Amino acid sequence: MNKSKFIKLNLDEKKSICQKLNPYDKTEWDIFKEVEKLFIIKYGKHEAIDKIFCGLAPIMGPFNSINVYIAKNRKRIDLPAEFHGFPIFKIYESKTKNYKNMIENDEKRNN
């Protein structure tokens, strides 16, 4: 499967294939990047979005998704639950900072 064929599929076919894609396969990685590009074109200019990455979600998995990093204290954004068959995973800045602080504090305690 290449990116051109994937984009032409209907939504049900995309959903079915999405979680079977391997981000470590060059041809399939191109699908991730194409979906990411299309998402950026549609939603990327919104002030609440800090970063967008289509690939493995930062959770237990593997789980393919579009990871949208939401900046703190910005205008609210409503996003669809999925885009081209990829689930959208929102990551809020405040949660990532809390996670980083938790890791740093744990490292300090262990040293």
PDB file of N, CA and C in Angstrom:
ATOM      1  N   MET A   1       0.853  -1.176   0.000  1.00  0.00           N
ATOM      2  CA  MET A   1       0.000   0.000   0.000  1.00  0.00           C
ATOM      3  C   MET A   1       0.896   1.235   0.000  1.00  0.00           C
ATOM      4  N   ASN A   2       0.580   2.165  -0.882  1.00  0.00           N
ATOM      5  CA  ASN A   2       1.313   3.419  -0.884  1.00  0.00           C
ATOM      6  C   ASN A   2       0.362   4.555  -0.526  1.00  0.00           C
ATOM      7  N   LYS A   3       0.906   5.773  -0.377  1.00  0.00           N
ATOM      8  CA  LYS A   3       0.096   6.892   0.103  1.00  0.00           C
ATOM      9  C   LYS A   3      -1.028   7.258  -0.861  1.00  0.00           C
ATOM     10  N   SER A   4      -0.797   7.180  -2.148  1.00  0.00           N
ATOM     11  CA  SER A   4      -1.833   7.528  -3.128  1.00  0.00           C
ATOM     12  C   SER A   4      -3.014   6.572  -3.033  1.00  0.00           C
ATOM     13  N   LYS A   5      -2.724   5.282  -2.926  1.00  0.00           N
ATOM     14  CA  LYS A   5      -3.793   4.282  -2.815  1.00  0.00           C
ATOM     15  C   LYS A   5      -4.550   4.454  -1.498  1.00  0.00           C
ATOM     16  N   PHE A   6      -3.817   4.716  -0.417  1.00  0.00           N
ATOM     17  CA  PHE A   6      -4.455   4.866   0.886  1.00  0.00           C
ATOM     18  C   PHE A   6      -5.424   6.044   0.896  1.00  0.00           C
ATOM     19  N   ILE A   7      -5.006   7.176   0.388  1.00  0.00           N
ATOM     20  CA  ILE A   7      -5.830   8.395   0.403  1.00  0.00           C
ATOM     21  C   ILE A   7      -7.118   8.184  -0.393  1.00  0.00           C
ATOM     22  N   LYS A   8      -7.079   7.362  -1.434  1.00  0.00           N
ATOM     23  CA  LYS A   8      -8.254   7.116  -2.281  1.00  0.00           C
ATOM     24  C   LYS A   8      -9.252   6.137  -1.653  1.00  0.00           C
ATOM     25  N   LEU A   9      -8.865   5.422  -0.606  1.00  0.00           N
ATOM     26  CA  LEU A   9      -9.764   4.458   0.032  1.00  0.00           C
ATOM     27  C   LEU A   9     -10.921   5.166   0.720  1.00  0.00           C
ATOM     28  N   ASN A  10     -12.030   4.440   0.907  1.00  0.00           N
ATOM     29  CA  ASN A  10     -13.130   5.032   1.672  1.00  0.00           C
ATOM     30  C   ASN A  10     -12.785   4.966   3.160  1.00  0.00           C
ATOM     31  N   LEU A  11     -13.551   5.686   3.970  1.00  0.00           N
ATOM     32  CA  LEU A  11     -13.230   5.826   5.396  1.00  0.00           C
ATOM     33  C   LEU A  11     -13.183   4.488   6.126  1.00  0.00           C
ATOM     34  N   ASP A  12     -14.117   3.591   5.855  1.00  0.00           N
ATOM     35  CA  ASP A  12     -14.118   2.283   6.529  1.00  0.00           C
ATOM     36  C   ASP A  12     -12.867   1.485   6.203  1.00  0.00           C
ATOM     37  N   GLU A  13     -12.422   1.553   4.957  1.00  0.00           N
ATOM     38  CA  GLU A  13     -11.198   0.844   4.564  1.00  0.00           C
ATOM     39  C   GLU A  13      -9.980   1.464   5.254  1.00  0.00           C
ATOM     40  N   LYS A  14      -9.952   2.803   5.326  1.00  0.00           N
ATOM     41  CA  LYS A  14      -8.839   3.473   5.999  1.00  0.00           C
ATOM     42  C   LYS A  14      -8.776   3.080   7.474  1.00  0.00           C
ATOM     43  N   LYS A  15      -9.932   3.056   8.139  1.00  0.00           N
ATOM     44  CA  LYS A  15      -9.974   2.673   9.556  1.00  0.00           C
ATOM     45  C   LYS A  15      -9.459   1.254   9.740  1.00  0.00           C
ATOM     46  N   SER A  16      -9.856   0.382   8.848  1.00  0.00           N
ATOM     47  CA  SER A  16      -9.446  -1.024   8.930  1.00  0.00           C
ATOM     48  C   SER A  16      -7.932  -1.179   8.756  1.00  0.00           C
ATOM     49  N   ILE A  17      -7.355  -0.396   7.879  1.00  0.00           N
ATOM     50  CA  ILE A  17      -5.923  -0.508   7.563  1.00  0.00           C
ATOM     51  C   ILE A  17      -5.050   0.265   8.547  1.00  0.00           C
ATOM     52  N   CYS A  18      -5.559   1.355   9.079  1.00  0.00           N
ATOM     53  CA  CYS A  18      -4.756   2.278   9.904  1.00  0.00           C
ATOM     54  C   CYS A  18      -3.909   1.582  10.959  1.00  0.00           C
ATOM     55  N   GLN A  19      -4.507   0.751  11.797  1.00  0.00           N
ATOM     56  CA  GLN A  19      -3.763   0.121  12.894  1.00  0.00           C
ATOM     57  C   GLN A  19      -2.860  -1.021  12.437  1.00  0.00           C
ATOM     58  N   LYS A  20      -2.977  -1.407  11.173  1.00  0.00           N
ATOM     59  CA  LYS A  20      -2.107  -2.453  10.625  1.00  0.00           C
ATOM     60  C   LYS A  20      -0.850  -1.870   9.981  1.00  0.00           C
ATOM     61  N   LEU A  21      -0.839  -0.545   9.794  1.00  0.00           N
ATOM     62  CA  LEU A  21       0.325   0.097   9.168  1.00  0.00           C
ATOM     63  C   LEU A  21       1.532   0.054  10.095  1.00  0.00           C
ATOM     64  N   ASN A  22       2.683  -0.115   9.492  1.00  0.00           N
ATOM     65  CA  ASN A  22       3.932  -0.187  10.243  1.00  0.00           C
ATOM     66  C   ASN A  22       4.728   1.098  10.007  1.00  0.00           C
ATOM     67  N   PRO A  23       4.876   1.946  11.037  1.00  0.00           N
ATOM     68  CA  PRO A  23       5.606   3.197  10.833  1.00  0.00           C
ATOM     69  C   PRO A  23       7.098   2.997  10.542  1.00  0.00           C
ATOM     70  N   TYR A  24       7.598   1.792  10.730  1.00  0.00           N
ATOM     71  CA  TYR A  24       9.010   1.517  10.466  1.00  0.00           C
ATOM     72  C   TYR A  24       9.252   1.037   9.031  1.00  0.00           C
ATOM     73  N   ASP A  25       8.169   0.837   8.278  1.00  0.00           N
ATOM     74  CA  ASP A  25       8.261   0.466   6.873  1.00  0.00           C
ATOM     75  C   ASP A  25       8.248   1.754   6.045  1.00  0.00           C
ATOM     76  N   LYS A  26       9.248   1.967   5.211  1.00  0.00           N
ATOM     77  CA  LYS A  26       9.403   3.227   4.460  1.00  0.00           C
ATOM     78  C   LYS A  26       8.158   3.579   3.655  1.00  0.00           C
ATOM     79  N   THR A  27       7.615   2.629   2.916  1.00  0.00           N
ATOM     80  CA  THR A  27       6.439   2.898   2.092  1.00  0.00           C
ATOM     81  C   THR A  27       5.245   3.275   2.963  1.00  0.00           C
ATOM     82  N   GLU A  28       5.060   2.556   4.051  1.00  0.00           N
ATOM     83  CA  GLU A  28       3.941   2.846   4.945  1.00  0.00           C
ATOM     84  C   GLU A  28       4.177   4.128   5.732  1.00  0.00           C
ATOM     85  N   TRP A  29       5.425   4.452   6.037  1.00  0.00           N
ATOM     86  CA  TRP A  29       5.732   5.711   6.727  1.00  0.00           C
ATOM     87  C   TRP A  29       5.295   6.897   5.866  1.00  0.00           C
ATOM     88  N   ASP A  30       5.401   6.744   4.563  1.00  0.00           N
ATOM     89  CA  ASP A  30       4.948   7.793   3.652  1.00  0.00           C
ATOM     90  C   ASP A  30       3.449   8.063   3.812  1.00  0.00           C
ATOM     91  N   ILE A  31       2.678   7.045   4.158  1.00  0.00           N
ATOM     92  CA  ILE A  31       1.240   7.226   4.407  1.00  0.00           C
ATOM     93  C   ILE A  31       1.050   8.096   5.649  1.00  0.00           C
ATOM     94  N   PHE A  32       1.791   7.810   6.704  1.00  0.00           N
ATOM     95  CA  PHE A  32       1.711   8.612   7.929  1.00  0.00           C
ATOM     96  C   PHE A  32       2.010  10.081   7.618  1.00  0.00           C
ATOM     97  N   LYS A  33       3.078  10.310   6.870  1.00  0.00           N
ATOM     98  CA  LYS A  33       3.492  11.680   6.562  1.00  0.00           C
ATOM     99  C   LYS A  33       2.474  12.396   5.666  1.00  0.00           C
ATOM    100  N   GLU A  34       1.847  11.663   4.751  1.00  0.00           N
ATOM    101  CA  GLU A  34       0.828  12.265   3.888  1.00  0.00           C
ATOM    102  C   GLU A  34      -0.402  12.659   4.706  1.00  0.00           C
ATOM    103  N   VAL A  35      -0.841  11.789   5.588  1.00  0.00           N
ATOM    104  CA  VAL A  35      -1.989  12.096   6.450  1.00  0.00           C
ATOM    105  C   VAL A  35      -1.637  13.275   7.364  1.00  0.00           C
ATOM    106  N   GLU A  36      -0.428  13.274   7.908  1.00  0.00           N
ATOM    107  CA  GLU A  36       0.025  14.386   8.743  1.00  0.00           C
ATOM    108  C   GLU A  36      -0.016  15.702   7.950  1.00  0.00           C
ATOM    109  N   LYS A  37       0.476  15.681   6.718  1.00  0.00           N
ATOM    110  CA  LYS A  37       0.486  16.886   5.874  1.00  0.00           C
ATOM    111  C   LYS A  37      -0.938  17.389   5.632  1.00  0.00           C
ATOM    112  N   LEU A  38      -1.854  16.488   5.315  1.00  0.00           N
ATOM    113  CA  LEU A  38      -3.242  16.880   5.063  1.00  0.00           C
ATOM    114  C   LEU A  38      -3.898  17.442   6.329  1.00  0.00           C
ATOM    115  N   PHE A  39      -3.570  16.868   7.477  1.00  0.00           N
ATOM    116  CA  PHE A  39      -4.107  17.361   8.748  1.00  0.00           C
ATOM    117  C   PHE A  39      -3.571  18.768   9.028  1.00  0.00           C
ATOM    118  N   ILE A  40      -2.287  18.973   8.796  1.00  0.00           N
ATOM    119  CA  ILE A  40      -1.670  20.288   9.013  1.00  0.00           C
ATOM    120  C   ILE A  40      -2.318  21.328   8.100  1.00  0.00           C
ATOM    121  N   ILE A  41      -2.568  20.966   6.859  1.00  0.00           N
ATOM    122  CA  ILE A  41      -3.210  21.895   5.931  1.00  0.00           C
ATOM    123  C   ILE A  41      -4.586  22.295   6.451  1.00  0.00           C
ATOM    124  N   LYS A  42      -5.337  21.334   6.984  1.00  0.00           N
ATOM    125  CA  LYS A  42      -6.707  21.607   7.427  1.00  0.00           C
ATOM    126  C   LYS A  42      -6.778  22.290   8.793  1.00  0.00           C
ATOM    127  N   TYR A  43      -5.936  21.879   9.756  1.00  0.00           N
ATOM    128  CA  TYR A  43      -6.061  22.366  11.132  1.00  0.00           C
ATOM    129  C   TYR A  43      -4.817  23.064  11.686  1.00  0.00           C
ATOM    130  N   GLY A  44      -3.710  22.960  11.027  1.00  0.00           N
ATOM    131  CA  GLY A  44      -2.425  23.385  11.580  1.00  0.00           C
ATOM    132  C   GLY A  44      -2.254  24.849  11.916  1.00  0.00           C
ATOM    133  N   LYS A  45      -3.081  25.717  11.361  1.00  0.00           N
ATOM    134  CA  LYS A  45      -2.915  27.153  11.627  1.00  0.00           C
ATOM    135  C   LYS A  45      -3.652  27.617  12.876  1.00  0.00           C
ATOM    136  N   HIS A  46      -4.377  26.732  13.519  1.00  0.00           N
ATOM    137  CA  HIS A  46      -5.108  27.121  14.728  1.00  0.00           C
ATOM    138  C   HIS A  46      -4.124  27.434  15.844  1.00  0.00           C
ATOM    139  N   GLU A  47      -4.380  28.529  16.561  1.00  0.00           N
ATOM    140  CA  GLU A  47      -3.444  28.992  17.587  1.00  0.00           C
ATOM    141  C   GLU A  47      -3.245  28.014  18.742  1.00  0.00           C
ATOM    142  N   ALA A  48      -4.204  27.135  18.977  1.00  0.00           N
ATOM    143  CA  ALA A  48      -4.088  26.188  20.093  1.00  0.00           C
ATOM    144  C   ALA A  48      -3.108  25.055  19.796  1.00  0.00           C
ATOM    145  N   ILE A  49      -2.849  24.803  18.526  1.00  0.00           N
ATOM    146  CA  ILE A  49      -1.991  23.676  18.149  1.00  0.00           C
ATOM    147  C   ILE A  49      -0.534  24.091  18.179  1.00  0.00           C
ATOM    148  N   ASP A  50       0.220  23.353  18.974  1.00  0.00           N
ATOM    149  CA  ASP A  50       1.653  23.603  19.111  1.00  0.00           C
ATOM    150  C   ASP A  50       2.453  22.721  18.151  1.00  0.00           C
ATOM    151  N   LYS A  51       2.025  21.448  18.018  1.00  0.00           N
ATOM    152  CA  LYS A  51       2.780  20.499  17.199  1.00  0.00           C
ATOM    153  C   LYS A  51       1.833  19.394  16.754  1.00  0.00           C
ATOM    154  N   ILE A  52       2.109  18.820  15.593  1.00  0.00           N
ATOM    155  CA  ILE A  52       1.313  17.711  15.062  1.00  0.00           C
ATOM    156  C   ILE A  52       2.272  16.629  14.605  1.00  0.00           C
ATOM    157  N   PHE A  53       1.953  15.388  14.971  1.00  0.00           N
ATOM    158  CA  PHE A  53       2.787  14.260  14.563  1.00  0.00           C
ATOM    159  C   PHE A  53       1.886  13.065  14.292  1.00  0.00           C
ATOM    160  N   CYS A  54       1.988  12.487  13.124  1.00  0.00           N
ATOM    161  CA  CYS A  54       1.243  11.276  12.788  1.00  0.00           C
ATOM    162  C   CYS A  54       2.214  10.108  12.903  1.00  0.00           C
ATOM    163  N   GLY A  55       1.932   9.209  13.829  1.00  0.00           N
ATOM    164  CA  GLY A  55       2.799   8.054  14.069  1.00  0.00           C
ATOM    165  C   GLY A  55       2.288   7.280  15.259  1.00  0.00           C
ATOM    166  N   LEU A  56       3.199   6.730  16.012  1.00  0.00           N
ATOM    167  CA  LEU A  56       2.808   5.995  17.205  1.00  0.00           C
ATOM    168  C   LEU A  56       2.382   6.962  18.305  1.00  0.00           C
ATOM    169  N   ALA A  57       1.302   6.634  18.969  1.00  0.00           N
ATOM    170  CA  ALA A  57       0.819   7.463  20.075  1.00  0.00           C
ATOM    171  C   ALA A  57       1.731   7.270  21.281  1.00  0.00           C
ATOM    172  N   PRO A  58       1.868   8.308  22.106  1.00  0.00           N
ATOM    173  CA  PRO A  58       2.727   8.197  23.298  1.00  0.00           C
ATOM    174  C   PRO A  58       2.002   7.517  24.461  1.00  0.00           C
ATOM    175  N   ILE A  59       1.451   6.349  24.171  1.00  0.00           N
ATOM    176  CA  ILE A  59       0.734   5.557  25.177  1.00  0.00           C
ATOM    177  C   ILE A  59       1.141   4.105  25.001  1.00  0.00           C
ATOM    178  N   MET A  60       0.636   3.270  25.871  1.00  0.00           N
ATOM    179  CA  MET A  60       0.899   1.838  25.702  1.00  0.00           C
ATOM    180  C   MET A  60       0.355   1.426  24.350  1.00  0.00           C
ATOM    181  N   GLY A  61       1.044   0.646  23.651  1.00  0.00           N
ATOM    182  CA  GLY A  61       0.570   0.305  22.307  1.00  0.00           C
ATOM    183  C   GLY A  61       1.356  -0.833  21.728  1.00  0.00           C
ATOM    184  N   PRO A  62       1.548  -0.899  20.500  1.00  0.00           N
ATOM    185  CA  PRO A  62       1.547   0.186  19.528  1.00  0.00           C
ATOM    186  C   PRO A  62       0.135   0.613  19.143  1.00  0.00           C
ATOM    187  N   PHE A  63       0.001   1.906  18.899  1.00  0.00           N
ATOM    188  CA  PHE A  63      -1.272   2.505  18.525  1.00  0.00           C
ATOM    189  C   PHE A  63      -0.985   3.668  17.588  1.00  0.00           C
ATOM    190  N   ASN A  64      -1.383   3.532  16.319  1.00  0.00           N
ATOM    191  CA  ASN A  64      -1.163   4.585  15.335  1.00  0.00           C
ATOM    192  C   ASN A  64      -2.204   5.680  15.509  1.00  0.00           C
ATOM    193  N   SER A  65      -1.759   6.922  15.477  1.00  0.00           N
ATOM    194  CA  SER A  65      -2.684   8.042  15.654  1.00  0.00           C
ATOM    195  C   SER A  65      -2.066   9.325  15.120  1.00  0.00           C
ATOM    196  N   ILE A  66      -2.899  10.360  15.091  1.00  0.00           N
ATOM    197  CA  ILE A  66      -2.415  11.711  14.850  1.00  0.00           C
ATOM    198  C   ILE A  66      -2.319  12.346  16.229  1.00  0.00           C
ATOM    199  N   ASN A  67      -1.115  12.680  16.628  1.00  0.00           N
ATOM    200  CA  ASN A  67      -0.871  13.267  17.944  1.00  0.00           C
ATOM    201  C   ASN A  67      -0.848  14.776  17.809  1.00  0.00           C
ATOM    202  N   VAL A  68      -1.784  15.436  18.496  1.00  0.00           N
ATOM    203  CA  VAL A  68      -1.911  16.888  18.401  1.00  0.00           C
ATOM    204  C   VAL A  68      -1.561  17.469  19.764  1.00  0.00           C
ATOM    205  N   TYR A  69      -0.492  18.238  19.802  1.00  0.00           N
ATOM    206  CA  TYR A  69      -0.033  18.861  21.041  1.00  0.00           C
ATOM    207  C   TYR A  69      -0.720  20.217  21.177  1.00  0.00           C
ATOM    208  N   ILE A  70      -1.490  20.379  22.256  1.00  0.00           N
ATOM    209  CA  ILE A  70      -2.298  21.568  22.481  1.00  0.00           C
ATOM    210  C   ILE A  70      -1.580  22.485  23.472  1.00  0.00           C
ATOM    211  N   ALA A  71      -1.360  23.729  23.062  1.00  0.00           N
ATOM    212  CA  ALA A  71      -0.681  24.713  23.909  1.00  0.00           C
ATOM    213  C   ALA A  71      -1.604  25.167  25.037  1.00  0.00           C
ATOM    214  N   LYS A  72      -1.007  25.519  26.152  1.00  0.00           N
ATOM    215  CA  LYS A  72      -1.743  25.975  27.327  1.00  0.00           C
ATOM    216  C   LYS A  72      -2.234  27.416  27.132  1.00  0.00           C
ATOM    217  N   ASN A  73      -3.395  27.713  27.706  1.00  0.00           N
ATOM    218  CA  ASN A  73      -3.972  29.063  27.688  1.00  0.00           C
ATOM    219  C   ASN A  73      -4.199  29.608  26.281  1.00  0.00           C
ATOM    220  N   ARG A  74      -4.650  28.775  25.404  1.00  0.00           N
ATOM    221  CA  ARG A  74      -4.973  29.206  24.045  1.00  0.00           C
ATOM    222  C   ARG A  74      -6.453  28.970  23.779  1.00  0.00           C
ATOM    223  N   LYS A  75      -6.911  29.532  22.705  1.00  0.00           N
ATOM    224  CA  LYS A  75      -8.302  29.384  22.296  1.00  0.00           C
ATOM    225  C   LYS A  75      -8.629  27.893  22.120  1.00  0.00           C
ATOM    226  N   ARG A  76      -9.813  27.501  22.529  1.00  0.00           N
ATOM    227  CA  ARG A  76     -10.252  26.103  22.437  1.00  0.00           C
ATOM    228  C   ARG A  76     -10.349  25.672  20.972  1.00  0.00           C
ATOM    229  N   ILE A  77     -10.016  24.416  20.724  1.00  0.00           N
ATOM    230  CA  ILE A  77     -10.136  23.871  19.373  1.00  0.00           C
ATOM    231  C   ILE A  77     -10.956  22.586  19.436  1.00  0.00           C
ATOM    232  N   ASP A  78     -11.890  22.480  18.525  1.00  0.00           N
ATOM    233  CA  ASP A  78     -12.670  21.253  18.376  1.00  0.00           C
ATOM    234  C   ASP A  78     -12.103  20.487  17.192  1.00  0.00           C
ATOM    235  N   LEU A  79     -11.683  19.274  17.453  1.00  0.00           N
ATOM    236  CA  LEU A  79     -11.130  18.425  16.408  1.00  0.00           C
ATOM    237  C   LEU A  79     -12.011  17.199  16.242  1.00  0.00           C
ATOM    238  N   PRO A  80     -12.024  16.625  15.058  1.00  0.00           N
ATOM    239  CA  PRO A  80     -12.787  15.386  14.886  1.00  0.00           C
ATOM    240  C   PRO A  80     -12.122  14.256  15.670  1.00  0.00           C
ATOM    241  N   ALA A  81     -12.831  13.186  15.881  1.00  0.00           N
ATOM    242  CA  ALA A  81     -12.280  12.028  16.605  1.00  0.00           C
ATOM    243  C   ALA A  81     -11.238  11.298  15.765  1.00  0.00           C
ATOM    244  N   GLU A  82     -11.358  11.432  14.441  1.00  0.00           N
ATOM    245  CA  GLU A  82     -10.399  10.776  13.545  1.00  0.00           C
ATOM    246  C   GLU A  82     -10.270  11.578  12.261  1.00  0.00           C
ATOM    247  N   PHE A  83      -9.201  11.288  11.547  1.00  0.00           N
ATOM    248  CA  PHE A  83      -8.916  11.979  10.299  1.00  0.00           C
ATOM    249  C   PHE A  83      -8.279  10.971   9.351  1.00  0.00           C
ATOM    250  N   HIS A  84      -8.888  10.742   8.207  1.00  0.00           N
ATOM    251  CA  HIS A  84      -8.433   9.734   7.239  1.00  0.00           C
ATOM    252  C   HIS A  84      -8.222   8.369   7.898  1.00  0.00           C
ATOM    253  N   GLY A  85      -9.094   8.039   8.853  1.00  0.00           N
ATOM    254  CA  GLY A  85      -9.030   6.732   9.509  1.00  0.00           C
ATOM    255  C   GLY A  85      -8.107   6.668  10.705  1.00  0.00           C
ATOM    256  N   PHE A  86      -7.308   7.702  10.943  1.00  0.00           N
ATOM    257  CA  PHE A  86      -6.398   7.740  12.092  1.00  0.00           C
ATOM    258  C   PHE A  86      -7.101   8.414  13.270  1.00  0.00           C
ATOM    259  N   PRO A  87      -7.120   7.776  14.439  1.00  0.00           N
ATOM    260  CA  PRO A  87      -7.678   8.441  15.615  1.00  0.00           C
ATOM    261  C   PRO A  87      -6.821   9.660  15.981  1.00  0.00           C
ATOM    262  N   ILE A  88      -7.460  10.679  16.528  1.00  0.00           N
ATOM    263  CA  ILE A  88      -6.739  11.874  16.954  1.00  0.00           C
ATOM    264  C   ILE A  88      -6.544  11.804  18.455  1.00  0.00           C
ATOM    265  N   PHE A  89      -5.299  11.942  18.864  1.00  0.00           N
ATOM    266  CA  PHE A  89      -4.911  11.874  20.271  1.00  0.00           C
ATOM    267  C   PHE A  89      -4.428  13.255  20.677  1.00  0.00           C
ATOM    268  N   LYS A  90      -5.173  13.932  21.558  1.00  0.00           N
ATOM    269  CA  LYS A  90      -4.791  15.274  22.003  1.00  0.00           C
ATOM    270  C   LYS A  90      -3.883  15.173  23.219  1.00  0.00           C
ATOM    271  N   ILE A  91      -2.800  15.910  23.191  1.00  0.00           N
ATOM    272  CA  ILE A  91      -1.847  15.937  24.294  1.00  0.00           C
ATOM    273  C   ILE A  91      -1.747  17.383  24.756  1.00  0.00           C
ATOM    274  N   TYR A  92      -2.171  17.639  25.978  1.00  0.00           N
ATOM    275  CA  TYR A  92      -2.213  18.999  26.492  1.00  0.00           C
ATOM    276  C   TYR A  92      -0.896  19.358  27.161  1.00  0.00           C
ATOM    277  N   GLU A  93      -0.411  20.555  26.874  1.00  0.00           N
ATOM    278  CA  GLU A  93       0.876  21.027  27.373  1.00  0.00           C
ATOM    279  C   GLU A  93       0.995  20.871  28.888  1.00  0.00           C
ATOM    280  N   SER A  94      -0.051  21.198  29.619  1.00  0.00           N
ATOM    281  CA  SER A  94       0.018  21.117  31.076  1.00  0.00           C
ATOM    282  C   SER A  94       0.273  19.685  31.535  1.00  0.00           C
ATOM    283  N   LYS A  95      -0.302  18.711  30.838  1.00  0.00           N
ATOM    284  CA  LYS A  95      -0.087  17.312  31.209  1.00  0.00           C
ATOM    285  C   LYS A  95       1.327  16.864  30.895  1.00  0.00           C
ATOM    286  N   THR A  96       1.884  17.331  29.761  1.00  0.00           N
ATOM    287  CA  THR A  96       3.254  16.920  29.429  1.00  0.00           C
ATOM    288  C   THR A  96       4.242  17.540  30.408  1.00  0.00           C
ATOM    289  N   LYS A  97       3.981  18.781  30.841  1.00  0.00           N
ATOM    290  CA  LYS A  97       4.869  19.399  31.838  1.00  0.00           C
ATOM    291  C   LYS A  97       4.789  18.663  33.161  1.00  0.00           C
ATOM    292  N   ASN A  98       3.572  18.295  33.574  1.00  0.00           N
ATOM    293  CA  ASN A  98       3.422  17.539  34.821  1.00  0.00           C
ATOM    294  C   ASN A  98       4.162  16.210  34.741  1.00  0.00           C
ATOM    295  N   TYR A  99       4.081  15.554  33.586  1.00  0.00           N
ATOM    296  CA  TYR A  99       4.774  14.283  33.394  1.00  0.00           C
ATOM    297  C   TYR A  99       6.283  14.479  33.469  1.00  0.00           C
ATOM    298  N   LYS A 100       6.791  15.528  32.804  1.00  0.00           N
ATOM    299  CA  LYS A 100       8.231  15.804  32.836  1.00  0.00           C
ATOM    300  C   LYS A 100       8.690  16.116  34.254  1.00  0.00           C
ATOM    301  N   ASN A 101       7.913  16.894  34.983  1.00  0.00           N
ATOM    302  CA  ASN A 101       8.256  17.206  36.372  1.00  0.00           C
ATOM    303  C   ASN A 101       8.281  15.944  37.229  1.00  0.00           C
ATOM    304  N   MET A 102       7.329  15.064  37.012  1.00  0.00           N
ATOM    305  CA  MET A 102       7.261  13.821  37.760  1.00  0.00           C
ATOM    306  C   MET A 102       8.521  12.980  37.508  1.00  0.00           C
ATOM    307  N   ILE A 103       8.942  12.894  36.250  1.00  0.00           N
ATOM    308  CA  ILE A 103      10.140  12.129  35.886  1.00  0.00           C
ATOM    309  C   ILE A 103      11.380  12.758  36.522  1.00  0.00           C
ATOM    310  N   GLU A 104      11.496  14.094  36.413  1.00  0.00           N
ATOM    311  CA  GLU A 104      12.659  14.791  36.981  1.00  0.00           C
ATOM    312  C   GLU A 104      12.729  14.594  38.491  1.00  0.00           C
ATOM    313  N   ASN A 105      11.605  14.713  39.174  1.00  0.00           N
ATOM    314  CA  ASN A 105      11.571  14.524  40.629  1.00  0.00           C
ATOM    315  C   ASN A 105      11.950  13.096  41.007  1.00  0.00           C
ATOM    316  N   ASP A 106      11.493  12.138  40.226  1.00  0.00           N
ATOM    317  CA  ASP A 106      11.827  10.736  40.484  1.00  0.00           C
ATOM    318  C   ASP A 106      13.329  10.498  40.297  1.00  0.00           C
ATOM    319  N   GLU A 107      13.899  11.113  39.252  1.00  0.00           N
ATOM    320  CA  GLU A 107      15.336  10.969  39.010  1.00  0.00           C
ATOM    321  C   GLU A 107      16.150  11.584  40.148  1.00  0.00           C
ATOM    322  N   LYS A 108      15.702  12.739  40.669  1.00  0.00           N
ATOM    323  CA  LYS A 108      16.400  13.394  41.781  1.00  0.00           C
ATOM    324  C   LYS A 108      16.373  12.513  43.020  1.00  0.00           C
ATOM    325  N   ARG A 109      15.232  11.884  43.276  1.00  0.00           N
ATOM    326  CA  ARG A 109      15.121  11.014  44.447  1.00  0.00           C
ATOM    327  C   ARG A 109      16.018   9.793  44.332  1.00  0.00           C
ATOM    328  N   ASN A 110      16.206   9.325  43.122  1.00  0.00           N
ATOM    329  CA  ASN A 110      17.021   8.107  42.906  1.00  0.00           C
ATOM    330  C   ASN A 110      18.514   8.400  42.871  1.00  0.00           C
ATOM    331  N   ASN A 111      18.905   9.650  42.795  1.00  0.00           N
ATOM    332  CA  ASN A 111      20.355   9.999  42.730  1.00  0.00           C
ATOM    333  C   ASN A 111      20.891  10.375  44.084  1.00  0.00           C
TER     334      ASN A 111
END
